[in-house]
Amino acid sequence: MLLAKFAAVAVFIWFYQTAKDNDESPVKWAIIGLIGFGITWEMAHLITDAMTGNRLFSASIPAIVGAAATWFIRQKLLLDAKRDNA
């Protein structure tokens, strides 16, 4: 769970800075990133809890999956921003 909290803070900062660099709304992007991370983390957490009883595995894998999903969300936001600015 601690890894997920650190990852959530990192996602917030990452999305905020990316939005500032692309002249977009930083708070909007940061919230989108947190929501995307949270939903993905929760789904992965439910799946790993159902599949295994190992607490270390069921705590760290969802954070990694959530962080990977936020990368795709960020790429989509960047693509939309470039399309809007073109």
C-alpha atoms as a PDB file:
ATOM      1  CA  MET A   1       0.000   0.000   0.000  1.00  0.00           C
ATOM      2  CA  LEU A   2       2.900   2.349   0.688  1.00  0.00           C
ATOM      3  CA  LEU A   3       4.226   1.803  -2.827  1.00  0.00           C
ATOM      4  CA  ALA A   4       0.811   2.764  -4.226  1.00  0.00           C
ATOM      5  CA  LYS A   5       0.792   5.996  -2.202  1.00  0.00           C
ATOM      6  CA  PHE A   6       4.255   6.953  -3.440  1.00  0.00           C
ATOM      7  CA  ALA A   7       3.228   6.085  -6.992  1.00  0.00           C
ATOM      8  CA  ALA A   8       0.077   8.227  -6.692  1.00  0.00           C
ATOM      9  CA  VAL A   9       2.118  11.233  -5.579  1.00  0.00           C
ATOM     10  CA  ALA A  10       4.587  10.632  -8.412  1.00  0.00           C
ATOM     11  CA  VAL A  11       1.711  10.403 -10.923  1.00  0.00           C
ATOM     12  CA  PHE A  12       0.257  13.674  -9.641  1.00  0.00           C
ATOM     13  CA  ILE A  13       3.597  15.484 -10.008  1.00  0.00           C
ATOM     14  CA  TRP A  14       4.320  13.855 -13.379  1.00  0.00           C
ATOM     15  CA  PHE A  15       0.973  14.847 -14.897  1.00  0.00           C
ATOM     16  CA  TYR A  16       1.097  18.326 -13.360  1.00  0.00           C
ATOM     17  CA  GLN A  17       4.543  19.058 -14.820  1.00  0.00           C
ATOM     18  CA  THR A  18       3.659  17.577 -18.205  1.00  0.00           C
ATOM     19  CA  ALA A  19       0.565  19.777 -18.442  1.00  0.00           C
ATOM     20  CA  LYS A  20       2.574  22.884 -17.512  1.00  0.00           C
ATOM     21  CA  ASP A  21       5.155  22.053 -20.170  1.00  0.00           C
ATOM     22  CA  ASN A  22       2.408  21.743 -22.799  1.00  0.00           C
ATOM     23  CA  ASP A  23       0.414  24.845 -21.789  1.00  0.00           C
ATOM     24  CA  GLU A  24      -2.538  22.791 -20.567  1.00  0.00           C
ATOM     25  CA  SER A  25      -4.482  22.865 -17.285  1.00  0.00           C
ATOM     26  CA  PRO A  26      -2.112  21.256 -14.726  1.00  0.00           C
ATOM     27  CA  VAL A  27      -4.776  20.541 -12.107  1.00  0.00           C
ATOM     28  CA  LYS A  28      -7.095  18.929 -14.662  1.00  0.00           C
ATOM     29  CA  TRP A  29      -4.337  16.679 -15.957  1.00  0.00           C
ATOM     30  CA  ALA A  30      -3.170  15.759 -12.447  1.00  0.00           C
ATOM     31  CA  ILE A  31      -6.704  14.776 -11.443  1.00  0.00           C
ATOM     32  CA  ILE A  32      -7.139  12.709 -14.607  1.00  0.00           C
ATOM     33  CA  GLY A  33      -3.854  10.941 -13.845  1.00  0.00           C
ATOM     34  CA  LEU A  34      -4.843  10.217 -10.243  1.00  0.00           C
ATOM     35  CA  ILE A  35      -8.264   8.906 -11.226  1.00  0.00           C
ATOM     36  CA  GLY A  36      -6.729   6.694 -13.910  1.00  0.00           C
ATOM     37  CA  PHE A  37      -4.130   5.382 -11.482  1.00  0.00           C
ATOM     38  CA  GLY A  38      -6.716   4.808  -8.737  1.00  0.00           C
ATOM     39  CA  ILE A  39      -9.174   2.904 -10.914  1.00  0.00           C
ATOM     40  CA  THR A  40      -6.459   0.744 -12.454  1.00  0.00           C
ATOM     41  CA  TRP A  41      -4.833   0.110  -9.084  1.00  0.00           C
ATOM     42  CA  GLU A  42      -8.155  -0.938  -7.533  1.00  0.00           C
ATOM     43  CA  MET A  43      -9.001  -3.341 -10.365  1.00  0.00           C
ATOM     44  CA  ALA A  44      -5.523  -4.905 -10.282  1.00  0.00           C
ATOM     45  CA  HIS A  45      -5.694  -5.121  -6.479  1.00  0.00           C
ATOM     46  CA  LEU A  46      -9.013  -6.981  -6.590  1.00  0.00           C
ATOM     47  CA  ILE A  47      -7.677  -9.405  -9.193  1.00  0.00           C
ATOM     48  CA  THR A  48      -4.404 -10.140  -7.383  1.00  0.00           C
ATOM     49  CA  ASP A  49      -6.206 -10.529  -4.047  1.00  0.00           C
ATOM     50  CA  ALA A  50      -8.537 -13.081  -5.611  1.00  0.00           C
ATOM     51  CA  MET A  51      -5.691 -14.962  -7.282  1.00  0.00           C
ATOM     52  CA  THR A  52      -3.148 -15.097  -4.476  1.00  0.00           C
ATOM     53  CA  GLY A  53      -2.904 -14.802  -0.736  1.00  0.00           C
ATOM     54  CA  ASN A  54       0.635 -13.403  -0.885  1.00  0.00           C
ATOM     55  CA  ARG A  55       0.456  -9.893   0.618  1.00  0.00           C
ATOM     56  CA  LEU A  56       3.695  -8.666  -0.965  1.00  0.00           C
ATOM     57  CA  PHE A  57       2.584  -9.735  -4.435  1.00  0.00           C
ATOM     58  CA  SER A  58      -0.948  -8.414  -4.042  1.00  0.00           C
ATOM     59  CA  ALA A  59       0.355  -5.060  -2.775  1.00  0.00           C
ATOM     60  CA  SER A  60       3.132  -4.293  -5.272  1.00  0.00           C
ATOM     61  CA  ILE A  61       1.785  -5.592  -8.589  1.00  0.00           C
ATOM     62  CA  PRO A  62      -1.310  -3.315  -8.602  1.00  0.00           C
ATOM     63  CA  ALA A  63       0.896  -0.244  -8.097  1.00  0.00           C
ATOM     64  CA  ILE A  64       3.080  -1.256 -11.018  1.00  0.00           C
ATOM     65  CA  VAL A  65       0.052  -1.954 -13.220  1.00  0.00           C
ATOM     66  CA  GLY A  66      -1.482   1.380 -12.216  1.00  0.00           C
ATOM     67  CA  ALA A  67       1.706   3.248 -13.079  1.00  0.00           C
ATOM     68  CA  ALA A  68       1.880   1.518 -16.461  1.00  0.00           C
ATOM     69  CA  ALA A  69      -1.737   2.455 -17.195  1.00  0.00           C
ATOM     70  CA  THR A  70      -1.055   6.094 -16.372  1.00  0.00           C
ATOM     71  CA  TRP A  71       1.694   6.120 -18.991  1.00  0.00           C
ATOM     72  CA  PHE A  72      -0.932   5.269 -21.633  1.00  0.00           C
ATOM     73  CA  ILE A  73      -3.299   7.901 -20.244  1.00  0.00           C
ATOM     74  CA  ARG A  74      -0.515  10.492 -20.416  1.00  0.00           C
ATOM     75  CA  GLN A  75       0.266   9.552 -24.012  1.00  0.00           C
ATOM     76  CA  LYS A  76      -3.400  10.020 -24.938  1.00  0.00           C
ATOM     77  CA  LEU A  77      -3.511  13.433 -23.250  1.00  0.00           C
ATOM     78  CA  LEU A  78      -0.314  14.509 -25.017  1.00  0.00           C
ATOM     79  CA  LEU A  79      -1.695  13.382 -28.369  1.00  0.00           C
ATOM     80  CA  ASP A  80      -4.918  15.319 -27.783  1.00  0.00           C
ATOM     81  CA  ALA A  81      -2.976  18.430 -26.714  1.00  0.00           C
ATOM     82  CA  LYS A  82      -0.806  18.332 -29.825  1.00  0.00           C
ATOM     83  CA  ARG A  83      -3.862  17.853 -32.018  1.00  0.00           C
ATOM     84  CA  ASP A  84      -5.634  20.820 -30.374  1.00  0.00           C
ATOM     85  CA  ASN A  85      -2.601  23.081 -30.725  1.00  0.00           C
ATOM     86  CA  ALA A  86      -1.967  22.186 -34.381  1.00  0.00           C
END
